[in-house]
C-alpha atoms as a PDB file:
ATOM      1  CA  MET A   1     -25.189 -25.042   0.495  1.00  0.00           C
ATOM      2  CA  GLN A   2     -22.844 -22.215  -0.548  1.00  0.00           C
ATOM      3  CA  SER A   3     -20.011 -21.283   1.810  1.00  0.00           C
ATOM      4  CA  ALA A   4     -18.764 -17.744   2.345  1.00  0.00           C
ATOM      5  CA  ALA A   5     -15.384 -18.747   0.882  1.00  0.00           C
ATOM      6  CA  ASN A   6     -16.939 -20.152  -2.304  1.00  0.00           C
ATOM      7  CA  TYR A   7     -19.131 -17.091  -2.711  1.00  0.00           C
ATOM      8  CA  ASP A   8     -16.108 -14.831  -2.291  1.00  0.00           C
ATOM      9  CA  ARG A   9     -14.047 -16.821  -4.794  1.00  0.00           C
ATOM     10  CA  GLY A  10     -16.781 -16.781  -7.433  1.00  0.00           C
ATOM     11  CA  ALA A  11     -17.945 -13.180  -7.019  1.00  0.00           C
ATOM     12  CA  GLY A  12     -14.416 -11.818  -6.688  1.00  0.00           C
ATOM     13  CA  TRP A  13     -15.015  -9.562  -3.700  1.00  0.00           C
ATOM     14  CA  SER A  14     -11.612 -10.150  -2.095  1.00  0.00           C
ATOM     15  CA  THR A  15      -9.935  -9.219  -5.371  1.00  0.00           C
ATOM     16  CA  LEU A  16     -11.846  -5.928  -5.353  1.00  0.00           C
ATOM     17  CA  ALA A  17     -11.108  -5.348  -1.657  1.00  0.00           C
ATOM     18  CA  ASP A  18      -7.376  -5.761  -2.302  1.00  0.00           C
ATOM     19  CA  ARG A  19      -7.527  -3.497  -5.349  1.00  0.00           C
ATOM     20  CA  TYR A  20      -9.462  -0.646  -3.742  1.00  0.00           C
ATOM     21  CA  GLY A  21      -8.464  -1.018  -0.107  1.00  0.00           C
ATOM     22  CA  PHE A  22     -11.775  -1.618   1.689  1.00  0.00           C
ATOM     23  CA  ALA A  23     -12.608  -4.011   4.526  1.00  0.00           C
ATOM     24  CA  LEU A  24     -14.691  -7.105   3.792  1.00  0.00           C
ATOM     25  CA  LEU A  25     -16.940  -9.113   6.136  1.00  0.00           C
ATOM     26  CA  MET A  26     -18.639 -12.315   4.952  1.00  0.00           C
ATOM     27  CA  PRO A  27     -21.089 -13.807   7.492  1.00  0.00           C
ATOM     28  CA  GLU A  28     -21.786 -17.493   6.952  1.00  0.00           C
ATOM     29  CA  GLN A  29     -24.928 -19.363   7.974  1.00  0.00           C
ATOM     30  CA  SER A  30     -24.663 -22.362  10.279  1.00  0.00           C
ATOM     31  CA  GLY A  31     -26.184 -25.703   9.343  1.00  0.00           C
ATOM     32  CA  ARG A  32     -27.737 -25.760  12.811  1.00  0.00           C
ATOM     33  CA  ASN A  33     -29.840 -22.716  11.900  1.00  0.00           C
ATOM     34  CA  ASN A  34     -30.795 -23.863   8.408  1.00  0.00           C
ATOM     35  CA  LEU A  35     -30.073 -27.275   6.837  1.00  0.00           C
ATOM     36  CA  ASN A  36     -29.424 -25.628   3.460  1.00  0.00           C
ATOM     37  CA  ARG A  37     -27.118 -23.078   5.152  1.00  0.00           C
ATOM     38  CA  SER A  38     -29.317 -20.310   3.770  1.00  0.00           C
ATOM     39  CA  PHE A  39     -30.206 -17.263   5.827  1.00  0.00           C
ATOM     40  CA  ASN A  40     -33.680 -17.459   7.357  1.00  0.00           C
ATOM     41  CA  TRP A  41     -34.976 -14.386   5.545  1.00  0.00           C
ATOM     42  CA  PHE A  42     -38.576 -15.587   5.955  1.00  0.00           C
ATOM     43  CA  GLN A  43     -38.500 -15.979   9.762  1.00  0.00           C
ATOM     44  CA  ARG A  44     -39.666 -12.853  11.549  1.00  0.00           C
ATOM     45  CA  ASN A  45     -37.599 -13.579  14.637  1.00  0.00           C
ATOM     46  CA  ASP A  46     -34.492 -13.564  12.402  1.00  0.00           C
ATOM     47  CA  THR A  47     -35.317 -10.451  10.379  1.00  0.00           C
ATOM     48  CA  GLN A  48     -36.420  -7.956  13.012  1.00  0.00           C
ATOM     49  CA  ARG A  49     -34.292  -5.258  14.580  1.00  0.00           C
ATOM     50  CA  GLY A  50     -32.477  -6.536  17.654  1.00  0.00           C
ATOM     51  CA  GLU A  51     -33.361 -10.190  17.032  1.00  0.00           C
ATOM     52  CA  GLY A  52     -31.919 -13.394  15.555  1.00  0.00           C
ATOM     53  CA  GLU A  53     -29.699 -13.483  12.503  1.00  0.00           C
ATOM     54  CA  ALA A  54     -30.146  -9.811  11.623  1.00  0.00           C
ATOM     55  CA  HIS A  55     -28.924  -8.823  15.084  1.00  0.00           C
ATOM     56  CA  SER A  56     -26.024 -11.289  14.841  1.00  0.00           C
ATOM     57  CA  ILE A  57     -24.888  -9.825  11.517  1.00  0.00           C
ATOM     58  CA  VAL A  58     -25.040  -6.243  12.757  1.00  0.00           C
ATOM     59  CA  GLN A  59     -22.990  -7.290  15.800  1.00  0.00           C
ATOM     60  CA  MET A  60     -20.309  -8.601  13.414  1.00  0.00           C
ATOM     61  CA  VAL A  61     -20.376  -5.277  11.600  1.00  0.00           C
ATOM     62  CA  GLU A  62     -19.965  -3.408  14.878  1.00  0.00           C
ATOM     63  CA  GLN A  63     -16.969  -5.578  15.758  1.00  0.00           C
ATOM     64  CA  MET A  64     -15.392  -4.769  12.365  1.00  0.00           C
ATOM     65  CA  VAL A  65     -15.998  -1.059  12.916  1.00  0.00           C
ATOM     66  CA  ARG A  66     -14.212  -1.143  16.274  1.00  0.00           C
ATOM     67  CA  ASP A  67     -11.361  -3.420  15.198  1.00  0.00           C
ATOM     68  CA  HIS A  68     -10.528  -1.649  11.944  1.00  0.00           C
ATOM     69  CA  ASP A  69     -11.659   1.950  12.524  1.00  0.00           C
ATOM     70  CA  ILE A  70     -14.294   1.752   9.774  1.00  0.00           C
ATOM     71  CA  ASP A  71     -16.066   4.916   8.639  1.00  0.00           C
ATOM     72  CA  ARG A  72     -19.628   4.402   9.919  1.00  0.00           C
ATOM     73  CA  ARG A  73     -20.984   6.467   7.025  1.00  0.00           C
ATOM     74  CA  ARG A  74     -19.618   3.974   4.493  1.00  0.00           C
ATOM     75  CA  ILE A  75     -20.957   0.539   5.453  1.00  0.00           C
ATOM     76  CA  PHE A  76     -22.708  -1.536   2.768  1.00  0.00           C
ATOM     77  CA  VAL A  77     -24.312  -4.955   2.384  1.00  0.00           C
ATOM     78  CA  THR A  78     -24.980  -7.318  -0.523  1.00  0.00           C
ATOM     79  CA  GLY A  79     -26.016 -10.920  -1.076  1.00  0.00           C
ATOM     80  CA  LEU A  80     -27.416 -13.548  -3.443  1.00  0.00           C
ATOM     81  CA  SER A  81     -30.797 -15.313  -3.238  1.00  0.00           C
ATOM     82  CA  ALA A  82     -31.525 -15.922   0.471  1.00  0.00           C
ATOM     83  CA  GLY A  83     -28.538 -13.657   1.100  1.00  0.00           C
ATOM     84  CA  GLY A  84     -30.177 -11.081  -1.149  1.00  0.00           C
ATOM     85  CA  ALA A  85     -33.406 -11.280   0.823  1.00  0.00           C
ATOM     86  CA  MET A  86     -31.355 -11.001   4.025  1.00  0.00           C
ATOM     87  CA  THR A  87     -29.649  -7.944   2.548  1.00  0.00           C
ATOM     88  CA  LEU A  88     -33.051  -6.263   2.342  1.00  0.00           C
ATOM     89  CA  ALA A  89     -33.791  -7.323   5.916  1.00  0.00           C
ATOM     90  CA  MET A  90     -30.597  -5.579   7.038  1.00  0.00           C
ATOM     91  CA  LEU A  91     -31.432  -2.413   5.084  1.00  0.00           C
ATOM     92  CA  ALA A  92     -34.985  -2.334   6.449  1.00  0.00           C
ATOM     93  CA  THR A  93     -34.149  -3.059  10.085  1.00  0.00           C
ATOM     94  CA  TYR A  94     -30.854  -1.151  10.290  1.00  0.00           C
ATOM     95  CA  PRO A  95     -31.087   1.792   7.861  1.00  0.00           C
ATOM     96  CA  ASP A  96     -29.021   3.779  10.356  1.00  0.00           C
ATOM     97  CA  VAL A  97     -26.124   1.315   9.901  1.00  0.00           C
ATOM     98  CA  PHE A  98     -26.043   0.699   6.132  1.00  0.00           C
ATOM     99  CA  ALA A  99     -25.603   3.481   3.583  1.00  0.00           C
ATOM    100  CA  ALA A 100     -26.548   1.243   0.655  1.00  0.00           C
ATOM    101  CA  GLY A 101     -27.192  -2.348  -0.349  1.00  0.00           C
ATOM    102  CA  ALA A 102     -27.311  -4.584  -3.396  1.00  0.00           C
ATOM    103  CA  VAL A 103     -29.599  -7.585  -3.801  1.00  0.00           C
ATOM    104  CA  ILE A 104     -28.996 -10.298  -6.402  1.00  0.00           C
ATOM    105  CA  ALA A 105     -31.889 -12.660  -7.225  1.00  0.00           C
ATOM    106  CA  GLY A 106     -33.592 -11.786  -3.950  1.00  0.00           C
ATOM    107  CA  LEU A 107     -37.099 -11.183  -2.632  1.00  0.00           C
ATOM    108  CA  PRO A 108     -38.811  -8.139  -1.094  1.00  0.00           C
ATOM    109  CA  TYR A 109     -38.592  -7.555   2.637  1.00  0.00           C
ATOM    110  CA  GLY A 110     -41.515  -8.978   4.594  1.00  0.00           C
ATOM    111  CA  GLY A 111     -42.842 -10.983   1.661  1.00  0.00           C
ATOM    112  CA  ALA A 112     -43.021 -14.231   3.636  1.00  0.00           C
ATOM    113  CA  ALA A 113     -43.489 -15.233   7.266  1.00  0.00           C
ATOM    114  CA  ASN A 114     -42.728 -18.986   7.059  1.00  0.00           C
ATOM    115  CA  ALA A 115     -41.078 -21.584   4.806  1.00  0.00           C
ATOM    116  CA  GLN A 116     -44.268 -22.358   2.873  1.00  0.00           C
ATOM    117  CA  GLU A 117     -44.860 -18.697   2.054  1.00  0.00           C
ATOM    118  CA  ALA A 118     -41.170 -18.351   1.141  1.00  0.00           C
ATOM    119  CA  LEU A 119     -41.419 -21.099  -1.494  1.00  0.00           C
ATOM    120  CA  ARG A 120     -44.585 -19.565  -2.893  1.00  0.00           C
ATOM    121  CA  CYS A 121     -42.906 -16.147  -3.154  1.00  0.00           C
ATOM    122  CA  MET A 122     -39.879 -17.628  -4.903  1.00  0.00           C
ATOM    123  CA  PHE A 123     -42.053 -19.023  -7.698  1.00  0.00           C
ATOM    124  CA  GLN A 124     -44.487 -16.134  -7.908  1.00  0.00           C
ATOM    125  CA  ALA A 125     -44.154 -12.864  -6.053  1.00  0.00           C
ATOM    126  CA  PRO A 126     -47.586 -12.098  -4.562  1.00  0.00           C
ATOM    127  CA  PRO A 127     -48.931  -8.840  -5.990  1.00  0.00           C
ATOM    128  CA  LYS A 128     -49.026  -6.021  -3.447  1.00  0.00           C
ATOM    129  CA  SER A 129     -49.364  -2.294  -3.842  1.00  0.00           C
ATOM    130  CA  SER A 130     -46.304  -0.091  -3.572  1.00  0.00           C
ATOM    131  CA  ARG A 131     -47.678   1.382  -0.352  1.00  0.00           C
ATOM    132  CA  GLU A 132     -48.217  -2.046   1.230  1.00  0.00           C
ATOM    133  CA  LEU A 133     -44.674  -3.068   0.366  1.00  0.00           C
ATOM    134  CA  GLY A 134     -43.220   0.223   1.527  1.00  0.00           C
ATOM    135  CA  ASP A 135     -45.066   0.018   4.845  1.00  0.00           C
ATOM    136  CA  LEU A 136     -43.335  -3.298   5.583  1.00  0.00           C
ATOM    137  CA  VAL A 137     -39.999  -1.481   5.435  1.00  0.00           C
ATOM    138  CA  ARG A 138     -41.142   1.641   7.272  1.00  0.00           C
ATOM    139  CA  GLU A 139     -42.475  -0.463  10.140  1.00  0.00           C
ATOM    140  CA  ALA A 140     -39.192  -2.372  10.529  1.00  0.00           C
ATOM    141  CA  SER A 141     -37.153   0.433  12.055  1.00  0.00           C
ATOM    142  CA  PRO A 142     -37.682   3.498  14.246  1.00  0.00           C
ATOM    143  CA  ASN A 143     -35.609   5.445  11.719  1.00  0.00           C
ATOM    144  CA  ARG A 144     -37.998   7.215   9.332  1.00  0.00           C
ATOM    145  CA  ASN A 145     -35.795   9.926   7.807  1.00  0.00           C
ATOM    146  CA  ILE A 146     -32.869   8.431   5.913  1.00  0.00           C
ATOM    147  CA  TRP A 147     -33.083   5.265   3.805  1.00  0.00           C
ATOM    148  CA  PRO A 148     -30.229   3.371   2.137  1.00  0.00           C
ATOM    149  CA  LYS A 149     -29.589   3.375  -1.596  1.00  0.00           C
ATOM    150  CA  LEU A 150     -30.293   0.121  -3.432  1.00  0.00           C
ATOM    151  CA  SER A 151     -28.946  -1.794  -6.432  1.00  0.00           C
ATOM    152  CA  VAL A 152     -31.135  -4.664  -7.729  1.00  0.00           C
ATOM    153  CA  TRP A 153     -29.874  -7.492  -9.985  1.00  0.00           C
ATOM    154  CA  HIS A 154     -31.875 -10.367 -11.473  1.00  0.00           C
ATOM    155  CA  GLY A 155     -31.555 -12.805 -14.372  1.00  0.00           C
ATOM    156  CA  SER A 156     -34.410 -12.776 -16.866  1.00  0.00           C
ATOM    157  CA  ALA A 157     -34.322 -16.619 -17.042  1.00  0.00           C
ATOM    158  CA  ASP A 158     -34.196 -17.235 -13.275  1.00  0.00           C
ATOM    159  CA  ARG A 159     -36.463 -20.204 -12.468  1.00  0.00           C
ATOM    160  CA  THR A 160     -35.502 -20.454  -8.804  1.00  0.00           C
ATOM    161  CA  VAL A 161     -36.497 -16.941  -7.743  1.00  0.00           C
ATOM    162  CA  LYS A 162     -38.766 -15.581 -10.461  1.00  0.00           C
ATOM    163  CA  PRO A 163     -37.822 -12.161 -11.926  1.00  0.00           C
ATOM    164  CA  SER A 164     -41.174 -10.744 -10.785  1.00  0.00           C
ATOM    165  CA  ASN A 165     -39.570 -10.500  -7.355  1.00  0.00           C
ATOM    166  CA  ALA A 166     -37.145  -7.894  -8.652  1.00  0.00           C
ATOM    167  CA  GLY A 167     -40.102  -5.803  -9.731  1.00  0.00           C
ATOM    168  CA  GLU A 168     -41.640  -6.072  -6.258  1.00  0.00           C
ATOM    169  CA  ILE A 169     -38.345  -5.085  -4.613  1.00  0.00           C
ATOM    170  CA  ILE A 170     -38.120  -2.010  -6.805  1.00  0.00           C
ATOM    171  CA  LYS A 171     -41.755  -1.074  -6.067  1.00  0.00           C
ATOM    172  CA  GLN A 172     -41.082  -1.457  -2.348  1.00  0.00           C
ATOM    173  CA  TRP A 173     -38.019   0.766  -2.212  1.00  0.00           C
ATOM    174  CA  LEU A 174     -39.292   3.359  -4.664  1.00  0.00           C
ATOM    175  CA  ASP A 175     -42.212   3.855  -2.296  1.00  0.00           C
ATOM    176  CA  VAL A 176     -39.837   4.136   0.667  1.00  0.00           C
ATOM    177  CA  HIS A 177     -37.830   6.802  -1.155  1.00  0.00           C
ATOM    178  CA  GLY A 178     -40.970   8.532  -2.439  1.00  0.00           C
ATOM    179  CA  LEU A 179     -40.046   8.052  -6.100  1.00  0.00           C
ATOM    180  CA  PRO A 180     -42.257   7.272  -9.127  1.00  0.00           C
ATOM    181  CA  LEU A 181     -42.404   3.840 -10.750  1.00  0.00           C
ATOM    182  CA  THR A 182     -41.281   5.162 -14.139  1.00  0.00           C
ATOM    183  CA  PRO A 183     -37.458   4.979 -14.541  1.00  0.00           C
ATOM    184  CA  MET A 184     -35.715   8.335 -14.899  1.00  0.00           C
ATOM    185  CA  SER A 185     -33.040   6.801 -17.123  1.00  0.00           C
ATOM    186  CA  GLU A 186     -32.673   3.580 -19.110  1.00  0.00           C
ATOM    187  CA  GLN A 187     -29.530   2.295 -20.799  1.00  0.00           C
ATOM    188  CA  ILE A 188     -27.707  -0.826 -21.947  1.00  0.00           C
ATOM    189  CA  VAL A 189     -24.591  -1.718 -19.944  1.00  0.00           C
ATOM    190  CA  ASP A 190     -22.378  -4.532 -21.242  1.00  0.00           C
ATOM    191  CA  GLY A 191     -25.380  -5.857 -23.175  1.00  0.00           C
ATOM    192  CA  HIS A 192     -27.824  -5.757 -20.260  1.00  0.00           C
ATOM    193  CA  SER A 193     -30.640  -3.401 -19.283  1.00  0.00           C
ATOM    194  CA  ARG A 194     -30.125  -0.861 -16.490  1.00  0.00           C
ATOM    195  CA  GLN A 195     -32.815   1.423 -15.086  1.00  0.00           C
ATOM    196  CA  VAL A 196     -32.050   4.324 -12.758  1.00  0.00           C
ATOM    197  CA  TRP A 197     -33.935   6.550 -10.332  1.00  0.00           C
ATOM    198  CA  TRP A 198     -32.445   9.586  -8.584  1.00  0.00           C
ATOM    199  CA  ASN A 199     -33.623  11.860  -5.792  1.00  0.00           C
ATOM    200  CA  ALA A 200     -34.276  15.610  -5.750  1.00  0.00           C
ATOM    201  CA  ASP A 201     -30.552  16.245  -5.278  1.00  0.00           C
ATOM    202  CA  GLY A 202     -29.725  14.343  -8.464  1.00  0.00           C
ATOM    203  CA  GLU A 203     -28.144  11.439  -6.564  1.00  0.00           C
ATOM    204  CA  THR A 204     -28.823   7.933  -7.887  1.00  0.00           C
ATOM    205  CA  VAL A 205     -30.636   6.082  -5.108  1.00  0.00           C
ATOM    206  CA  ILE A 206     -32.056   3.042  -6.926  1.00  0.00           C
ATOM    207  CA  GLU A 207     -30.761   1.128  -9.924  1.00  0.00           C
ATOM    208  CA  SER A 208     -31.976  -2.119 -11.468  1.00  0.00           C
ATOM    209  CA  TYR A 209     -30.094  -4.517 -13.768  1.00  0.00           C
ATOM    210  CA  THR A 210     -31.893  -7.206 -15.759  1.00  0.00           C
ATOM    211  CA  ILE A 211     -29.349  -9.767 -16.975  1.00  0.00           C
ATOM    212  CA  MET A 212     -30.590 -11.182 -20.258  1.00  0.00           C
ATOM    213  CA  ASP A 213     -31.097 -14.965 -20.412  1.00  0.00           C
ATOM    214  CA  MET A 214     -29.303 -15.523 -17.099  1.00  0.00           C
ATOM    215  CA  ALA A 215     -30.492 -18.195 -14.639  1.00  0.00           C
ATOM    216  CA  HIS A 216     -30.246 -18.071 -10.834  1.00  0.00           C
ATOM    217  CA  GLY A 217     -26.890 -16.768  -9.706  1.00  0.00           C
ATOM    218  CA  VAL A 218     -24.342 -13.962  -9.568  1.00  0.00           C
ATOM    219  CA  PRO A 219     -23.487 -12.342 -12.927  1.00  0.00           C
ATOM    220  CA  LEU A 220     -19.731 -12.131 -13.295  1.00  0.00           C
ATOM    221  CA  THR A 221     -16.937 -11.842 -15.797  1.00  0.00           C
ATOM    222  CA  HIS A 222     -13.524 -13.458 -15.583  1.00  0.00           C
ATOM    223  CA  SER A 223     -11.834 -10.225 -16.645  1.00  0.00           C
ATOM    224  CA  GLU A 224     -12.947  -8.610 -13.365  1.00  0.00           C
ATOM    225  CA  GLY A 225     -11.758 -11.474 -11.148  1.00  0.00           C
ATOM    226  CA  GLY A 226     -14.912 -13.606 -11.163  1.00  0.00           C
ATOM    227  CA  VAL A 227     -14.748 -17.417 -11.248  1.00  0.00           C
ATOM    228  CA  ALA A 228     -17.642 -19.316 -12.833  1.00  0.00           C
ATOM    229  CA  GLY A 229     -19.171 -22.190 -10.856  1.00  0.00           C
ATOM    230  CA  PRO A 230     -22.442 -23.193  -9.168  1.00  0.00           C
ATOM    231  CA  TYR A 231     -24.645 -20.084  -9.046  1.00  0.00           C
ATOM    232  CA  MET A 232     -21.711 -18.040 -10.365  1.00  0.00           C
ATOM    233  CA  ILE A 233     -22.493 -17.267 -14.000  1.00  0.00           C
ATOM    234  CA  GLU A 234     -20.274 -15.769 -16.694  1.00  0.00           C
ATOM    235  CA  ALA A 235     -22.501 -13.014 -18.091  1.00  0.00           C
ATOM    236  CA  GLY A 236     -20.059 -10.505 -19.551  1.00  0.00           C
ATOM    237  CA  ILE A 237     -20.726  -8.100 -16.685  1.00  0.00           C
ATOM    238  CA  SER A 238     -19.341  -8.078 -13.150  1.00  0.00           C
ATOM    239  CA  SER A 239     -22.096  -7.385 -10.644  1.00  0.00           C
ATOM    240  CA  SER A 240     -19.470  -7.133  -7.894  1.00  0.00           C
ATOM    241  CA  ALA A 241     -17.448  -4.475  -9.706  1.00  0.00           C
ATOM    242  CA  ARG A 242     -20.579  -2.496 -10.628  1.00  0.00           C
ATOM    243  CA  ILE A 243     -21.935  -2.763  -7.088  1.00  0.00           C
ATOM    244  CA  ALA A 244     -18.608  -1.618  -5.625  1.00  0.00           C
ATOM    245  CA  GLU A 245     -18.800   1.384  -7.949  1.00  0.00           C
ATOM    246  CA  PHE A 246     -22.419   2.052  -6.895  1.00  0.00           C
ATOM    247  CA  PHE A 247     -21.303   1.985  -3.252  1.00  0.00           C
ATOM    248  CA  GLY A 248     -18.522   4.464  -4.020  1.00  0.00           C
ATOM    249  CA  LEU A 249     -15.799   2.005  -3.012  1.00  0.00           C
ATOM    250  CA  THR A 250     -13.891   2.390  -6.280  1.00  0.00           C
ATOM    251  CA  ASP A 251     -13.301   6.076  -5.473  1.00  0.00           C
ATOM    252  CA  THR A 252     -10.716   5.007  -2.898  1.00  0.00           C
ATOM    253  CA  LEU A 253      -8.215   3.309  -5.211  1.00  0.00           C
ATOM    254  CA  ARG A 254      -4.931   3.073  -3.335  1.00  0.00           C
ATOM    255  CA  ARG A 255      -2.002   4.743  -5.087  1.00  0.00           C
ATOM    256  CA  THR A 256       1.605   5.446  -4.271  1.00  0.00           C
ATOM    257  CA  PRO A 257       2.506   9.036  -3.268  1.00  0.00           C
ATOM    258  CA  ALA A 258       4.298   9.552  -6.599  1.00  0.00           C
ATOM    259  CA  GLU A 259       1.063   8.826  -8.454  1.00  0.00           C
ATOM    260  CA  THR A 260      -1.054  11.455  -6.666  1.00  0.00           C
ATOM    261  CA  THR A 261      -1.607  15.197  -7.163  1.00  0.00           C
ATOM    262  CA  GLU A 262      -3.290  17.954  -5.211  1.00  0.00           C
ATOM    263  CA  LEU A 263      -5.920  18.238  -7.919  1.00  0.00           C
ATOM    264  CA  SER A 264      -7.886  15.265  -6.539  1.00  0.00           C
ATOM    265  CA  ARG A 265     -10.247  17.440  -4.493  1.00  0.00           C
ATOM    266  CA  ARG A 266     -13.806  17.377  -5.734  1.00  0.00           C
ATOM    267  CA  ALA A 267     -14.764  20.582  -7.502  1.00  0.00           C
ATOM    268  CA  PRO A 268     -17.347  22.633  -5.535  1.00  0.00           C
ATOM    269  CA  PHE A 269     -19.688  22.778  -8.503  1.00  0.00           C
ATOM    270  CA  PHE A 270     -20.611  19.107  -8.008  1.00  0.00           C
ATOM    271  CA  GLY A 271     -22.814  20.212  -5.103  1.00  0.00           C
ATOM    272  CA  ALA A 272     -24.870  22.218  -7.545  1.00  0.00           C
ATOM    273  CA  LEU A 273     -24.700  19.418 -10.100  1.00  0.00           C
ATOM    274  CA  ARG A 274     -26.596  17.073  -7.808  1.00  0.00           C
ATOM    275  CA  LYS A 275     -29.480  19.539  -7.697  1.00  0.00           C
ATOM    276  CA  ALA A 276     -29.681  20.117 -11.439  1.00  0.00           C
ATOM    277  CA  THR A 277     -32.176  18.614 -13.843  1.00  0.00           C
ATOM    278  CA  ARG A 278     -31.131  15.789 -16.125  1.00  0.00           C
ATOM    279  CA  SER A 279     -30.338  18.004 -19.132  1.00  0.00           C
ATOM    280  CA  TYR A 280     -28.313  20.382 -17.002  1.00  0.00           C
ATOM    281  CA  ARG A 281     -26.524  17.445 -15.402  1.00  0.00           C
ATOM    282  CA  ILE A 282     -25.489  16.117 -18.801  1.00  0.00           C
ATOM    283  CA  ARG A 283     -24.182  19.511 -19.889  1.00  0.00           C
ATOM    284  CA  ALA A 284     -22.419  19.972 -16.570  1.00  0.00           C
ATOM    285  CA  VAL A 285     -20.701  16.590 -16.840  1.00  0.00           C
ATOM    286  CA  ARG A 286     -19.531  17.410 -20.372  1.00  0.00           C
ATOM    287  CA  ALA A 287     -18.196  20.753 -19.156  1.00  0.00           C
ATOM    288  CA  TRP A 288     -16.395  19.018 -16.293  1.00  0.00           C
ATOM    289  CA  ARG A 289     -14.803  16.545 -18.697  1.00  0.00           C
ATOM    290  CA  ASN A 290     -13.541  19.429 -20.833  1.00  0.00           C
ATOM    291  CA  VAL A 291     -12.103  21.156 -17.780  1.00  0.00           C
ATOM    292  CA  ASN A 292     -10.592  17.893 -16.609  1.00  0.00           C
ATOM    293  CA  ALA A 293      -8.959  17.311 -19.994  1.00  0.00           C
ATOM    294  CA  THR A 294      -7.460  20.820 -19.872  1.00  0.00           C
ATOM    295  CA  ILE A 295      -6.112  20.131 -16.384  1.00  0.00           C
ATOM    296  CA  HIS A 296      -4.482  16.913 -17.581  1.00  0.00           C
ATOM    297  CA  GLU A 297      -2.902  18.692 -20.549  1.00  0.00           C
ATOM    298  CA  GLY A 298      -1.453  21.298 -18.206  1.00  0.00           C
ATOM    299  CA  ILE A 299      -0.072  18.620 -15.921  1.00  0.00           C
ATOM    300  CA  GLU A 300       1.607  16.817 -18.800  1.00  0.00           C
ATOM    301  CA  ARG A 301       3.200  20.025 -20.056  1.00  0.00           C
ATOM    302  CA  ARG A 302       4.501  20.834 -16.590  1.00  0.00           C
ATOM    303  CA  ARG A 303       5.849  17.338 -16.141  1.00  0.00           C
ATOM    304  CA  ALA A 304       7.667  17.630 -19.445  1.00  0.00           C
ATOM    305  CA  ASN A 305       9.256  20.869 -18.251  1.00  0.00           C
ATOM    306  CA  LYS A 306      10.069  19.337 -14.866  1.00  0.00           C
ATOM    307  CA  LYS A 307       8.329  22.228 -13.121  1.00  0.00           C
ATOM    308  CA  ILE A 308       5.766  20.281 -11.113  1.00  0.00           C
ATOM    309  CA  HIS A 309       6.036  17.939  -8.135  1.00  0.00           C
ATOM    310  CA  VAL A 310       3.197  15.397  -8.423  1.00  0.00           C
ATOM    311  CA  ARG A 311       1.432  14.596  -5.162  1.00  0.00           C
ATOM    312  CA  SER A 312      -2.165  13.505  -5.918  1.00  0.00           C
ATOM    313  CA  VAL A 313      -4.398  12.173  -8.740  1.00  0.00           C
ATOM    314  CA  VAL A 314      -7.221  13.890 -10.615  1.00  0.00           C
ATOM    315  CA  LYS A 315     -10.208  11.657  -9.914  1.00  0.00           C
ATOM    316  CA  ARG A 316     -13.212  11.914 -12.206  1.00  0.00           C
END
């Protein structure tokens, strides 16, 4: 029964869109399609390429691309619960459209074929092998070469969509990307567990957040523009802000010309950094920070001497 406007207000996506200057599309389900106004993620004729709701959503995206001159390489999708499951349907059926996605309290693609199976999956994700789950995705689209990145979020105390579903989602997409089940990195972010997997180029392609003691909903924090309410839960971490960062949308922060410098170009060595091992990556990042600090010191000295005209910003 959640409207697009209420979801936007709680999750704070419009606030982020205004801050970072990206376009935002929020499809809303019709009560004629589903009495609960949830996306029909369990109906095959709504989750296959070129059919039903999935096709309708991608048509909306195409309209946005044409109307607002959107970069086709930077289109992303995210959603909660049924919207999270629909997010995976979009990634599986249109991997050529979406560069990445984020699913919050969702279910794996192809896990159910009717309403009865959907309810059963919500309470207990049926155990399937990684290969079985991955095949469901691989069979959904003629594209077999490039797969979107994925961010997975789930509350450890979710009783509506059991957390075991997050594990099945991760298994499914690790198999699609050809990655091992063991996380390559584990850390605590704002008090919550984050696991990370990266590809051979050193690029993070899958991340998973487990929000401690959180029920069914979107984890948010008021300090990042979130508004608590039904299925919008103050958790001390903003999933929207972290997802925007995962998508790379926070790299496009709009600034005035006086705030920018020519030093914003990405250093060439980052291409090599993506191919390095973890230990080399850590050392490389530390070296980059040292270089970056030296650059900033030089800029400040030049500003003090009034010998530099500032035109761009150094972006880490």
